[in-house]
Amino acid sequence: MEIQVILKNFGLSEKEIAVYLALIELGPSSVREISAKSKVNRGTSYDILKALIEIGLVSYYNKESKQYFMAEPPEKLLSAIDQKKEDLDEVRANITQSLPLIKTLFEKQGGKPVVKFYEGSKGVRQIFEDVLDEVSSANDKSYCLYSSATAEHRKNVYGSMPDFSDKRIKKGIKVKIISLGEGGQLAGLDERKQMPVGSKDLKATHEIIYAGKVAHISIDSNGEPVGVVIQNNEVYNMQKQIFEFNWENL
């Protein structure tokens, strides 16, 4: 792998890489010499050198009232990575501690429903992952589902995440399912009831009612899965009440 690619993956910009490599080639040098070698203007070169000093890749010394910069040994890159990791661990700890407050602020959003659209298998997989994450962290580890009994429709929908049921069961998440039509099998930690429908060819939308959200997943005209998630407690509570009424009367 080229050194430029490695340094870019490390997190340096193109100009920072140019200045750093110029300094490695030149040895101890003035800002003017580094600027000429790297083709980065002097003001920017000086700012970059100060930034590289802060992360431990460059040092400097004064000689005859003139400032000279030099690259630290390459092993300092590893030390800088370790420091970055420590900083990220600290940031992660701070975010984890503040997450309940941030989540509360996020969920308020003026009381307006938040609607998100997901397209294709990757997009719908995000919905399934959100169901697992949100429900597994909630007090009530269960959700409700209206499901098409059509085997082909279920296959197209769950093709985005074939191991969804296994992951759900592993997380101890329960689900009540109302199948629109006959069909469907139990997988574990689930209950299923059937709602008679007039048409055997009904291609119903999957509706998942979970953790303050309502997700609709269907198949578009090209046979690709698409999804819409509405995040709003009022919408969620209303849909859940309708589901529970239907459940009790089936």
C-alpha atoms as a PDB file:
ATOM      1  CA  MET A   1       0.000   0.000   0.000  1.00  0.00           C
ATOM      2  CA  GLU A   2       1.344   3.454  -0.894  1.00  0.00           C
ATOM      3  CA  ILE A   3       2.476   5.649   1.977  1.00  0.00           C
ATOM      4  CA  GLN A   4       0.042   8.389   0.890  1.00  0.00           C
ATOM      5  CA  VAL A   5      -2.881   5.977   1.232  1.00  0.00           C
ATOM      6  CA  ILE A   6      -1.675   4.842   4.655  1.00  0.00           C
ATOM      7  CA  LEU A   7      -1.367   8.423   5.893  1.00  0.00           C
ATOM      8  CA  LYS A   8      -4.773   9.294   4.463  1.00  0.00           C
ATOM      9  CA  ASN A   9      -6.307   6.336   6.314  1.00  0.00           C
ATOM     10  CA  PHE A  10      -4.513   7.593   9.416  1.00  0.00           C
ATOM     11  CA  GLY A  11      -6.498  10.794   9.040  1.00  0.00           C
ATOM     12  CA  LEU A  12      -4.152  13.300   7.390  1.00  0.00           C
ATOM     13  CA  SER A  13      -5.356  15.573   4.600  1.00  0.00           C
ATOM     14  CA  GLU A  14      -3.568  15.792   1.251  1.00  0.00           C
ATOM     15  CA  LYS A  15      -1.742  18.976   2.260  1.00  0.00           C
ATOM     16  CA  GLU A  16      -0.772  17.509   5.633  1.00  0.00           C
ATOM     17  CA  ILE A  17       0.598  14.441   3.863  1.00  0.00           C
ATOM     18  CA  ALA A  18       2.569  16.635   1.435  1.00  0.00           C
ATOM     19  CA  VAL A  19       4.123  18.644   4.285  1.00  0.00           C
ATOM     20  CA  TYR A  20       4.888  15.564   6.383  1.00  0.00           C
ATOM     21  CA  LEU A  21       6.537  13.657   3.520  1.00  0.00           C
ATOM     22  CA  ALA A  22       8.493  16.747   2.462  1.00  0.00           C
ATOM     23  CA  LEU A  23       9.828  17.039   6.006  1.00  0.00           C
ATOM     24  CA  ILE A  24      10.816  13.352   6.062  1.00  0.00           C
ATOM     25  CA  GLU A  25      12.758  13.786   2.814  1.00  0.00           C
ATOM     26  CA  LEU A  26      14.391  17.093   3.767  1.00  0.00           C
ATOM     27  CA  GLY A  27      15.303  16.427   7.370  1.00  0.00           C
ATOM     28  CA  PRO A  28      15.435  19.430   9.753  1.00  0.00           C
ATOM     29  CA  SER A  29      14.196  22.377   7.704  1.00  0.00           C
ATOM     30  CA  SER A  30      12.723  25.854   7.854  1.00  0.00           C
ATOM     31  CA  VAL A  31       9.127  26.620   6.960  1.00  0.00           C
ATOM     32  CA  ARG A  32      10.316  28.216   3.703  1.00  0.00           C
ATOM     33  CA  GLU A  33      12.135  25.051   2.649  1.00  0.00           C
ATOM     34  CA  ILE A  34       9.228  22.813   3.628  1.00  0.00           C
ATOM     35  CA  SER A  35       6.768  25.028   1.760  1.00  0.00           C
ATOM     36  CA  ALA A  36       8.909  24.944  -1.409  1.00  0.00           C
ATOM     37  CA  LYS A  37       9.295  21.156  -1.266  1.00  0.00           C
ATOM     38  CA  SER A  38       5.634  20.377  -0.490  1.00  0.00           C
ATOM     39  CA  LYS A  39       4.224  23.101  -2.775  1.00  0.00           C
ATOM     40  CA  VAL A  40       1.969  24.225   0.072  1.00  0.00           C
ATOM     41  CA  ASN A  41       2.050  27.958   0.833  1.00  0.00           C
ATOM     42  CA  ARG A  42       4.067  29.070   3.849  1.00  0.00           C
ATOM     43  CA  GLY A  43       1.135  30.149   6.017  1.00  0.00           C
ATOM     44  CA  THR A  44      -0.687  26.853   5.529  1.00  0.00           C
ATOM     45  CA  SER A  45       2.551  24.862   5.950  1.00  0.00           C
ATOM     46  CA  TYR A  46       3.189  26.552   9.300  1.00  0.00           C
ATOM     47  CA  ASP A  47      -0.360  25.788  10.519  1.00  0.00           C
ATOM     48  CA  ILE A  48       0.034  22.163   9.402  1.00  0.00           C
ATOM     49  CA  LEU A  49       3.371  21.835  11.190  1.00  0.00           C
ATOM     50  CA  LYS A  50       1.784  23.082  14.415  1.00  0.00           C
ATOM     51  CA  ALA A  51      -1.002  20.511  14.012  1.00  0.00           C
ATOM     52  CA  LEU A  52       1.515  17.731  13.389  1.00  0.00           C
ATOM     53  CA  ILE A  53       3.437  18.808  16.481  1.00  0.00           C
ATOM     54  CA  GLU A  54       0.248  18.451  18.551  1.00  0.00           C
ATOM     55  CA  ILE A  55      -0.217  14.823  17.514  1.00  0.00           C
ATOM     56  CA  GLY A  56       3.471  14.016  18.041  1.00  0.00           C
ATOM     57  CA  LEU A  57       4.617  13.526  14.445  1.00  0.00           C
ATOM     58  CA  VAL A  58       6.811  16.644  14.246  1.00  0.00           C
ATOM     59  CA  SER A  59       9.089  18.540  16.617  1.00  0.00           C
ATOM     60  CA  TYR A  60      11.148  21.728  16.284  1.00  0.00           C
ATOM     61  CA  TYR A  61      14.157  23.575  17.652  1.00  0.00           C
ATOM     62  CA  ASN A  62      15.561  27.090  17.381  1.00  0.00           C
ATOM     63  CA  LYS A  63      18.986  27.845  15.930  1.00  0.00           C
ATOM     64  CA  GLU A  64      20.397  31.350  15.451  1.00  0.00           C
ATOM     65  CA  SER A  65      16.963  32.944  15.866  1.00  0.00           C
ATOM     66  CA  LYS A  66      15.537  30.625  13.226  1.00  0.00           C
ATOM     67  CA  GLN A  67      12.998  27.837  13.733  1.00  0.00           C
ATOM     68  CA  TYR A  68      13.664  24.411  12.277  1.00  0.00           C
ATOM     69  CA  PHE A  69      11.205  21.536  12.076  1.00  0.00           C
ATOM     70  CA  MET A  70      11.930  17.830  11.885  1.00  0.00           C
ATOM     71  CA  ALA A  71       9.866  14.664  11.583  1.00  0.00           C
ATOM     72  CA  GLU A  72       9.698  12.363  14.562  1.00  0.00           C
ATOM     73  CA  PRO A  73      10.615   8.664  14.062  1.00  0.00           C
ATOM     74  CA  PRO A  74       7.895   6.738  12.138  1.00  0.00           C
ATOM     75  CA  GLU A  75       7.089   4.738  15.277  1.00  0.00           C
ATOM     76  CA  LYS A  76       5.362   7.882  16.532  1.00  0.00           C
ATOM     77  CA  LEU A  77       2.542   7.080  14.098  1.00  0.00           C
ATOM     78  CA  LEU A  78       1.669   4.102  16.286  1.00  0.00           C
ATOM     79  CA  SER A  79       1.792   6.253  19.404  1.00  0.00           C
ATOM     80  CA  ALA A  80      -0.508   8.754  17.710  1.00  0.00           C
ATOM     81  CA  ILE A  81      -2.952   5.949  16.851  1.00  0.00           C
ATOM     82  CA  ASP A  82      -2.939   4.789  20.483  1.00  0.00           C
ATOM     83  CA  GLN A  83      -3.671   8.346  21.605  1.00  0.00           C
ATOM     84  CA  LYS A  84      -6.508   8.623  19.092  1.00  0.00           C
ATOM     85  CA  LYS A  85      -7.965   5.405  20.451  1.00  0.00           C
ATOM     86  CA  GLU A  86      -7.780   6.709  24.026  1.00  0.00           C
ATOM     87  CA  ASP A  87      -9.449   9.955  22.950  1.00  0.00           C
ATOM     88  CA  LEU A  88     -12.203   8.043  21.130  1.00  0.00           C
ATOM     89  CA  ASP A  89     -12.752   5.787  24.142  1.00  0.00           C
ATOM     90  CA  GLU A  90     -13.182   8.887  26.292  1.00  0.00           C
ATOM     91  CA  VAL A  91     -15.597  10.413  23.773  1.00  0.00           C
ATOM     92  CA  ARG A  92     -17.532   7.143  23.654  1.00  0.00           C
ATOM     93  CA  ALA A  93     -17.788   7.072  27.453  1.00  0.00           C
ATOM     94  CA  ASN A  94     -19.032  10.669  27.517  1.00  0.00           C
ATOM     95  CA  ILE A  95     -21.613  10.000  24.790  1.00  0.00           C
ATOM     96  CA  THR A  96     -22.797   6.847  26.556  1.00  0.00           C
ATOM     97  CA  GLN A  97     -23.273   8.835  29.755  1.00  0.00           C
ATOM     98  CA  SER A  98     -25.165  11.605  27.945  1.00  0.00           C
ATOM     99  CA  LEU A  99     -27.166   9.331  25.654  1.00  0.00           C
ATOM    100  CA  PRO A 100     -30.404   9.316  27.704  1.00  0.00           C
ATOM    101  CA  LEU A 101     -30.538  13.129  27.620  1.00  0.00           C
ATOM    102  CA  ILE A 102     -29.672  13.292  23.915  1.00  0.00           C
ATOM    103  CA  LYS A 103     -32.301  10.650  23.161  1.00  0.00           C
ATOM    104  CA  THR A 104     -34.936  12.593  25.112  1.00  0.00           C
ATOM    105  CA  LEU A 105     -34.164  15.748  23.126  1.00  0.00           C
ATOM    106  CA  PHE A 106     -34.202  13.756  19.884  1.00  0.00           C
ATOM    107  CA  GLU A 107     -37.581  12.194  20.617  1.00  0.00           C
ATOM    108  CA  LYS A 108     -39.282  15.490  21.452  1.00  0.00           C
ATOM    109  CA  GLN A 109     -38.732  17.247  18.123  1.00  0.00           C
ATOM    110  CA  GLY A 110     -41.727  19.485  18.660  1.00  0.00           C
ATOM    111  CA  GLY A 111     -44.193  16.574  18.671  1.00  0.00           C
ATOM    112  CA  LYS A 112     -44.106  16.294  14.881  1.00  0.00           C
ATOM    113  CA  PRO A 113     -43.943  12.823  13.312  1.00  0.00           C
ATOM    114  CA  VAL A 114     -40.577  11.967  11.792  1.00  0.00           C
ATOM    115  CA  VAL A 115     -40.922  10.011   8.554  1.00  0.00           C
ATOM    116  CA  LYS A 116     -37.973   8.154   7.034  1.00  0.00           C
ATOM    117  CA  PHE A 117     -37.904   6.342   3.704  1.00  0.00           C
ATOM    118  CA  TYR A 118     -35.751   3.255   3.074  1.00  0.00           C
ATOM    119  CA  GLU A 119     -35.091   1.744  -0.323  1.00  0.00           C
ATOM    120  CA  GLY A 120     -33.731  -1.641  -1.414  1.00  0.00           C
ATOM    121  CA  SER A 121     -32.479  -4.571   0.645  1.00  0.00           C
ATOM    122  CA  LYS A 122     -29.871  -2.517   2.514  1.00  0.00           C
ATOM    123  CA  GLY A 123     -32.442   0.093   3.464  1.00  0.00           C
ATOM    124  CA  VAL A 124     -35.014  -2.421   4.690  1.00  0.00           C
ATOM    125  CA  ARG A 125     -32.284  -4.248   6.612  1.00  0.00           C
ATOM    126  CA  GLN A 126     -31.749  -0.986   8.522  1.00  0.00           C
ATOM    127  CA  ILE A 127     -35.397  -1.126   9.589  1.00  0.00           C
ATOM    128  CA  PHE A 128     -35.045  -4.692  10.882  1.00  0.00           C
ATOM    129  CA  GLU A 129     -31.841  -3.754  12.725  1.00  0.00           C
ATOM    130  CA  ASP A 130     -33.644  -0.781  14.281  1.00  0.00           C
ATOM    131  CA  VAL A 131     -36.461  -3.074  15.461  1.00  0.00           C
ATOM    132  CA  LEU A 132     -33.929  -5.365  17.150  1.00  0.00           C
ATOM    133  CA  ASP A 133     -31.940  -2.491  18.703  1.00  0.00           C
ATOM    134  CA  GLU A 134     -34.908  -0.440  19.922  1.00  0.00           C
ATOM    135  CA  VAL A 135     -37.041  -3.286  21.269  1.00  0.00           C
ATOM    136  CA  SER A 136     -34.148  -5.112  22.944  1.00  0.00           C
ATOM    137  CA  SER A 137     -33.268  -1.938  24.883  1.00  0.00           C
ATOM    138  CA  ALA A 138     -36.882  -1.147  25.859  1.00  0.00           C
ATOM    139  CA  ASN A 139     -38.627  -2.218  29.069  1.00  0.00           C
ATOM    140  CA  ASP A 140     -41.255  -4.054  27.026  1.00  0.00           C
ATOM    141  CA  LYS A 141     -39.265  -6.424  24.828  1.00  0.00           C
ATOM    142  CA  SER A 142     -42.091  -7.120  22.414  1.00  0.00           C
ATOM    143  CA  TYR A 143     -43.694  -5.670  19.311  1.00  0.00           C
ATOM    144  CA  CYS A 144     -46.709  -6.211  17.055  1.00  0.00           C
ATOM    145  CA  LEU A 145     -46.776  -7.171  13.389  1.00  0.00           C
ATOM    146  CA  TYR A 146     -49.299  -7.307  10.580  1.00  0.00           C
ATOM    147  CA  SER A 147     -47.903  -9.805   8.092  1.00  0.00           C
ATOM    148  CA  SER A 148     -48.846 -10.984   4.634  1.00  0.00           C
ATOM    149  CA  ALA A 149     -49.471 -14.716   4.667  1.00  0.00           C
ATOM    150  CA  THR A 150     -48.157 -14.947   1.091  1.00  0.00           C
ATOM    151  CA  ALA A 151     -44.941 -16.973   1.226  1.00  0.00           C
ATOM    152  CA  GLU A 152     -43.400 -15.119  -1.715  1.00  0.00           C
ATOM    153  CA  HIS A 153     -44.100 -11.747  -0.147  1.00  0.00           C
ATOM    154  CA  ARG A 154     -42.553 -12.782   3.184  1.00  0.00           C
ATOM    155  CA  LYS A 155     -39.512 -14.131   1.345  1.00  0.00           C
ATOM    156  CA  ASN A 156     -39.014 -10.853  -0.517  1.00  0.00           C
ATOM    157  CA  VAL A 157     -39.362  -8.818   2.663  1.00  0.00           C
ATOM    158  CA  TYR A 158     -37.202 -10.936   4.969  1.00  0.00           C
ATOM    159  CA  GLY A 159     -34.658 -11.566   2.209  1.00  0.00           C
ATOM    160  CA  SER A 160     -33.148  -8.303   3.413  1.00  0.00           C
ATOM    161  CA  MET A 161     -32.266 -10.024   6.708  1.00  0.00           C
ATOM    162  CA  PRO A 162     -32.769 -13.815   6.528  1.00  0.00           C
ATOM    163  CA  ASP A 163     -31.501 -14.351  10.094  1.00  0.00           C
ATOM    164  CA  PHE A 164     -33.872 -11.781  11.623  1.00  0.00           C
ATOM    165  CA  SER A 165     -35.926 -14.339  13.575  1.00  0.00           C
ATOM    166  CA  ASP A 166     -32.789 -16.008  14.964  1.00  0.00           C
ATOM    167  CA  LYS A 167     -31.453 -12.648  16.169  1.00  0.00           C
ATOM    168  CA  ARG A 168     -34.838 -11.702  17.591  1.00  0.00           C
ATOM    169  CA  ILE A 169     -35.056 -14.921  19.583  1.00  0.00           C
ATOM    170  CA  LYS A 170     -31.469 -14.562  20.795  1.00  0.00           C
ATOM    171  CA  LYS A 171     -32.310 -11.099  22.147  1.00  0.00           C
ATOM    172  CA  GLY A 172     -35.420 -12.467  23.884  1.00  0.00           C
ATOM    173  CA  ILE A 173     -37.835 -10.339  21.861  1.00  0.00           C
ATOM    174  CA  LYS A 174     -41.460 -11.479  21.657  1.00  0.00           C
ATOM    175  CA  VAL A 175     -43.852 -10.694  18.827  1.00  0.00           C
ATOM    176  CA  LYS A 176     -47.587 -10.918  18.203  1.00  0.00           C
ATOM    177  CA  ILE A 177     -48.390 -11.502  14.543  1.00  0.00           C
ATOM    178  CA  ILE A 178     -51.661 -11.044  12.713  1.00  0.00           C
ATOM    179  CA  SER A 179     -51.407 -12.764   9.339  1.00  0.00           C
ATOM    180  CA  LEU A 180     -53.600 -11.343   6.606  1.00  0.00           C
ATOM    181  CA  GLY A 181     -54.752 -14.670   5.215  1.00  0.00           C
ATOM    182  CA  GLU A 182     -53.785 -18.256   5.887  1.00  0.00           C
ATOM    183  CA  GLY A 183     -50.180 -19.352   6.205  1.00  0.00           C
ATOM    184  CA  GLY A 184     -47.053 -18.529   8.159  1.00  0.00           C
ATOM    185  CA  GLN A 185     -45.106 -20.534  10.715  1.00  0.00           C
ATOM    186  CA  LEU A 186     -44.035 -19.890  14.288  1.00  0.00           C
ATOM    187  CA  ALA A 187     -40.306 -19.460  14.895  1.00  0.00           C
ATOM    188  CA  GLY A 188     -40.111 -18.982  18.665  1.00  0.00           C
ATOM    189  CA  LEU A 189     -41.198 -16.332  21.204  1.00  0.00           C
ATOM    190  CA  ASP A 190     -44.029 -15.490  18.798  1.00  0.00           C
ATOM    191  CA  GLU A 191     -47.809 -15.801  18.712  1.00  0.00           C
ATOM    192  CA  ARG A 192     -49.807 -15.788  15.495  1.00  0.00           C
ATOM    193  CA  LYS A 193     -53.438 -15.237  14.609  1.00  0.00           C
ATOM    194  CA  GLN A 194     -55.036 -15.090  11.189  1.00  0.00           C
ATOM    195  CA  MET A 195     -57.295 -12.397   9.799  1.00  0.00           C
ATOM    196  CA  PRO A 196     -59.460 -13.590   6.880  1.00  0.00           C
ATOM    197  CA  VAL A 197     -59.095 -11.498   3.730  1.00  0.00           C
ATOM    198  CA  GLY A 198     -61.298 -11.330   0.660  1.00  0.00           C
ATOM    199  CA  SER A 199     -58.557 -11.813  -1.943  1.00  0.00           C
ATOM    200  CA  LYS A 200     -56.044 -14.650  -1.993  1.00  0.00           C
ATOM    201  CA  ASP A 201     -53.771 -12.476  -4.123  1.00  0.00           C
ATOM    202  CA  LEU A 202     -53.527  -9.714  -1.513  1.00  0.00           C
ATOM    203  CA  LYS A 203     -49.954  -8.375  -1.394  1.00  0.00           C
ATOM    204  CA  ALA A 204     -50.210  -6.743   1.976  1.00  0.00           C
ATOM    205  CA  THR A 205     -47.745  -4.305   3.456  1.00  0.00           C
ATOM    206  CA  HIS A 206     -45.789  -5.594   6.436  1.00  0.00           C
ATOM    207  CA  GLU A 207     -46.573  -3.272   9.355  1.00  0.00           C
ATOM    208  CA  ILE A 208     -44.297  -3.398  12.389  1.00  0.00           C
ATOM    209  CA  ILE A 209     -45.488  -1.534  15.496  1.00  0.00           C
ATOM    210  CA  TYR A 210     -42.539  -1.115  17.848  1.00  0.00           C
ATOM    211  CA  ALA A 211     -40.878   1.232  20.365  1.00  0.00           C
ATOM    212  CA  GLY A 212     -42.745   4.424  19.463  1.00  0.00           C
ATOM    213  CA  LYS A 213     -42.517   3.751  15.735  1.00  0.00           C
ATOM    214  CA  VAL A 214     -44.583   2.227  12.944  1.00  0.00           C
ATOM    215  CA  ALA A 215     -42.776   0.702   9.966  1.00  0.00           C
ATOM    216  CA  HIS A 216     -44.396  -0.236   6.658  1.00  0.00           C
ATOM    217  CA  ILE A 217     -42.458  -2.580   4.367  1.00  0.00           C
ATOM    218  CA  SER A 218     -43.672  -3.591   0.931  1.00  0.00           C
ATOM    219  CA  ILE A 219     -42.414  -4.568  -2.518  1.00  0.00           C
ATOM    220  CA  ASP A 220     -42.263  -2.038  -5.347  1.00  0.00           C
ATOM    221  CA  SER A 221     -43.153  -2.643  -9.009  1.00  0.00           C
ATOM    222  CA  ASN A 222     -39.617  -3.883  -9.685  1.00  0.00           C
ATOM    223  CA  GLY A 223     -39.810  -6.497  -6.944  1.00  0.00           C
ATOM    224  CA  GLU A 224     -37.498  -4.535  -4.622  1.00  0.00           C
ATOM    225  CA  PRO A 225     -38.313  -4.030  -0.933  1.00  0.00           C
ATOM    226  CA  VAL A 226     -39.074  -0.491   0.237  1.00  0.00           C
ATOM    227  CA  GLY A 227     -39.920   0.803   3.679  1.00  0.00           C
ATOM    228  CA  VAL A 228     -41.303   3.828   5.499  1.00  0.00           C
ATOM    229  CA  VAL A 229     -40.859   4.394   9.242  1.00  0.00           C
ATOM    230  CA  ILE A 230     -43.021   6.876  11.162  1.00  0.00           C
ATOM    231  CA  GLN A 231     -41.607   7.895  14.541  1.00  0.00           C
ATOM    232  CA  ASN A 232     -44.332   9.417  16.695  1.00  0.00           C
ATOM    233  CA  ASN A 233     -45.803   8.243  19.989  1.00  0.00           C
ATOM    234  CA  GLU A 234     -49.359   9.231  19.058  1.00  0.00           C
ATOM    235  CA  VAL A 235     -49.244   7.301  15.782  1.00  0.00           C
ATOM    236  CA  TYR A 236     -47.603   4.362  17.561  1.00  0.00           C
ATOM    237  CA  ASN A 237     -50.165   4.260  20.394  1.00  0.00           C
ATOM    238  CA  MET A 238     -53.096   4.474  18.002  1.00  0.00           C
ATOM    239  CA  GLN A 239     -51.805   1.675  15.770  1.00  0.00           C
ATOM    240  CA  LYS A 240     -51.023  -0.479  18.789  1.00  0.00           C
ATOM    241  CA  GLN A 241     -54.544  -0.032  20.186  1.00  0.00           C
ATOM    242  CA  ILE A 242     -56.055  -0.995  16.835  1.00  0.00           C
ATOM    243  CA  PHE A 243     -53.786  -4.046  16.703  1.00  0.00           C
ATOM    244  CA  GLU A 244     -54.706  -5.132  20.244  1.00  0.00           C
ATOM    245  CA  PHE A 245     -58.419  -4.731  19.460  1.00  0.00           C
ATOM    246  CA  ASN A 246     -58.067  -6.903  16.363  1.00  0.00           C
ATOM    247  CA  TRP A 247     -55.962  -9.416  18.318  1.00  0.00           C
ATOM    248  CA  GLU A 248     -58.573  -9.817  21.055  1.00  0.00           C
ATOM    249  CA  ASN A 249     -61.373 -10.256  18.518  1.00  0.00           C
ATOM    250  CA  LEU A 250     -59.728 -12.880  16.311  1.00  0.00           C
END
